[in-house]
Amino acid sequence: MEKRIKEYNAIKANDPTELSSLMQAAINEGWQPFGSIAIGVLPSRIYYVQALVKYED
């Protein structure tokens, strides 16, 4: 049976440690990681993004 996504969100952090902490909190709230971590590059900094989903029951 195919799972259907009911909610989508993303978290952004300034470093991998912060992303890990935010991810753990999100997982504890029922979110699941979706895809790989993306790394964004701006002229003044690098940031890390992880997509999150909640599936229908």
N, C-alpha and C. Protein backbone atom coordinates (compact mmCIF):
# COMPACT_ATOMS: atom_id res chain seq x y z
N MET A 1 0.84 -1.19 0.00
CA MET A 1 0.00 0.00 0.00
C MET A 1 0.88 1.25 0.00
N GLU A 2 0.52 2.21 -0.80
CA GLU A 2 1.27 3.45 -0.93
C GLU A 2 0.95 4.40 0.23
N LYS A 3 1.99 4.97 0.84
CA LYS A 3 1.78 5.97 1.89
C LYS A 3 1.55 7.32 1.23
N ARG A 4 0.62 8.08 1.77
CA ARG A 4 0.34 9.41 1.26
C ARG A 4 0.81 10.45 2.26
N ILE A 5 1.49 11.46 1.76
CA ILE A 5 1.99 12.54 2.61
C ILE A 5 0.82 13.45 2.98
N LYS A 6 0.67 13.72 4.29
CA LYS A 6 -0.38 14.64 4.72
C LYS A 6 0.17 16.00 5.12
N GLU A 7 1.45 16.05 5.52
CA GLU A 7 2.08 17.33 5.88
C GLU A 7 3.52 17.31 5.40
N TYR A 8 4.02 18.50 5.04
CA TYR A 8 5.40 18.66 4.57
C TYR A 8 5.98 19.88 5.26
N ASN A 9 7.24 19.78 5.62
CA ASN A 9 7.92 20.90 6.27
C ASN A 9 9.40 20.76 5.98
N ALA A 10 10.17 21.75 6.32
CA ALA A 10 11.62 21.67 6.19
C ALA A 10 12.24 22.45 7.34
N ILE A 11 13.38 21.98 7.77
CA ILE A 11 14.12 22.71 8.80
C ILE A 11 15.45 23.15 8.23
N LYS A 12 15.90 24.31 8.69
CA LYS A 12 17.16 24.88 8.21
C LYS A 12 18.03 25.19 9.42
N ALA A 13 19.31 24.89 9.32
CA ALA A 13 20.23 25.11 10.43
C ALA A 13 21.55 25.68 9.90
N ASN A 14 22.30 26.28 10.80
CA ASN A 14 23.58 26.88 10.43
C ASN A 14 24.74 25.90 10.43
N ASP A 15 24.57 24.75 11.09
CA ASP A 15 25.64 23.75 11.10
C ASP A 15 25.03 22.36 11.33
N PRO A 16 25.80 21.31 11.05
CA PRO A 16 25.27 19.95 11.18
C PRO A 16 24.81 19.60 12.60
N THR A 17 25.49 20.11 13.61
CA THR A 17 25.10 19.81 14.99
C THR A 17 23.73 20.40 15.30
N GLU A 18 23.51 21.62 14.89
CA GLU A 18 22.20 22.26 15.10
C GLU A 18 21.11 21.51 14.32
N LEU A 19 21.41 21.11 13.09
CA LEU A 19 20.44 20.36 12.29
C LEU A 19 20.09 19.05 12.97
N SER A 20 21.08 18.37 13.51
CA SER A 20 20.84 17.10 14.20
C SER A 20 19.91 17.29 15.39
N SER A 21 20.12 18.34 16.15
CA SER A 21 19.28 18.63 17.31
C SER A 21 17.85 18.94 16.88
N LEU A 22 17.70 19.76 15.86
CA LEU A 22 16.37 20.10 15.36
C LEU A 22 15.67 18.87 14.77
N MET A 23 16.43 18.02 14.09
CA MET A 23 15.87 16.80 13.52
C MET A 23 15.35 15.87 14.62
N GLN A 24 16.11 15.72 15.69
CA GLN A 24 15.69 14.85 16.78
C GLN A 24 14.39 15.34 17.40
N ALA A 25 14.29 16.66 17.58
CA ALA A 25 13.05 17.23 18.13
C ALA A 25 11.88 16.98 17.18
N ALA A 26 12.10 17.14 15.89
CA ALA A 26 11.04 16.91 14.90
C ALA A 26 10.60 15.45 14.87
N ILE A 27 11.55 14.54 14.92
CA ILE A 27 11.24 13.11 14.94
C ILE A 27 10.40 12.77 16.17
N ASN A 28 10.74 13.37 17.30
CA ASN A 28 9.98 13.14 18.53
C ASN A 28 8.54 13.64 18.40
N GLU A 29 8.29 14.58 17.48
CA GLU A 29 6.94 15.10 17.24
C GLU A 29 6.23 14.37 16.10
N GLY A 30 6.83 13.29 15.60
CA GLY A 30 6.17 12.48 14.58
C GLY A 30 6.58 12.75 13.15
N TRP A 31 7.52 13.65 12.92
CA TRP A 31 8.00 13.92 11.57
C TRP A 31 9.00 12.85 11.14
N GLN A 32 9.09 12.62 9.84
CA GLN A 32 10.06 11.68 9.28
C GLN A 32 10.90 12.41 8.23
N PRO A 33 12.21 12.15 8.20
CA PRO A 33 13.05 12.77 7.17
C PRO A 33 12.60 12.31 5.79
N PHE A 34 12.70 13.20 4.82
CA PHE A 34 12.32 12.89 3.44
C PHE A 34 13.47 13.33 2.54
N GLY A 35 14.11 12.38 1.91
CA GLY A 35 15.24 12.71 1.04
C GLY A 35 16.51 12.96 1.83
N SER A 36 17.46 13.55 1.16
CA SER A 36 18.78 13.80 1.74
C SER A 36 18.88 15.23 2.26
N ILE A 37 19.90 15.46 3.06
CA ILE A 37 20.19 16.80 3.53
C ILE A 37 20.71 17.62 2.36
N ALA A 38 20.20 18.84 2.23
CA ALA A 38 20.67 19.76 1.20
C ALA A 38 21.57 20.79 1.86
N ILE A 39 22.59 21.19 1.15
CA ILE A 39 23.51 22.21 1.66
C ILE A 39 23.38 23.43 0.76
N GLY A 40 23.02 24.55 1.37
CA GLY A 40 22.89 25.81 0.64
C GLY A 40 24.11 26.68 0.89
N VAL A 41 24.48 27.42 -0.12
CA VAL A 41 25.65 28.28 0.00
C VAL A 41 25.26 29.71 -0.38
N LEU A 42 25.45 30.60 0.55
CA LEU A 42 25.27 32.03 0.31
C LEU A 42 26.64 32.69 0.35
N PRO A 43 26.78 33.89 -0.14
CA PRO A 43 28.10 34.53 -0.11
C PRO A 43 28.71 34.61 1.30
N SER A 44 27.85 34.76 2.30
CA SER A 44 28.38 34.96 3.66
C SER A 44 28.30 33.72 4.55
N ARG A 45 27.61 32.64 4.10
CA ARG A 45 27.50 31.48 4.98
C ARG A 45 27.00 30.24 4.24
N ILE A 46 27.09 29.12 4.93
CA ILE A 46 26.56 27.84 4.46
C ILE A 46 25.43 27.45 5.41
N TYR A 47 24.38 26.83 4.89
CA TYR A 47 23.31 26.34 5.75
C TYR A 47 22.88 24.95 5.30
N TYR A 48 22.21 24.24 6.19
CA TYR A 48 21.82 22.85 5.98
C TYR A 48 20.30 22.75 6.09
N VAL A 49 19.69 22.01 5.16
CA VAL A 49 18.23 21.89 5.12
C VAL A 49 17.84 20.42 5.02
N GLN A 50 16.81 20.03 5.78
CA GLN A 50 16.26 18.68 5.70
C GLN A 50 14.75 18.78 5.55
N ALA A 51 14.22 18.12 4.52
CA ALA A 51 12.77 18.05 4.33
C ALA A 51 12.20 17.03 5.30
N LEU A 52 10.98 17.29 5.75
CA LEU A 52 10.28 16.42 6.70
C LEU A 52 8.87 16.18 6.21
N VAL A 53 8.33 15.01 6.50
CA VAL A 53 6.95 14.69 6.13
C VAL A 53 6.26 13.98 7.28
N LYS A 54 4.93 14.07 7.25
CA LYS A 54 4.07 13.23 8.08
C LYS A 54 3.15 12.52 7.11
N TYR A 55 3.00 11.22 7.29
CA TYR A 55 2.16 10.42 6.41
C TYR A 55 0.77 10.24 7.00
N GLU A 56 -0.21 10.03 6.13
CA GLU A 56 -1.56 9.68 6.59
C GLU A 56 -1.50 8.34 7.30
N ASP A 57 -2.37 8.16 8.26
CA ASP A 57 -2.43 6.89 9.00
C ASP A 57 -3.04 5.80 8.16
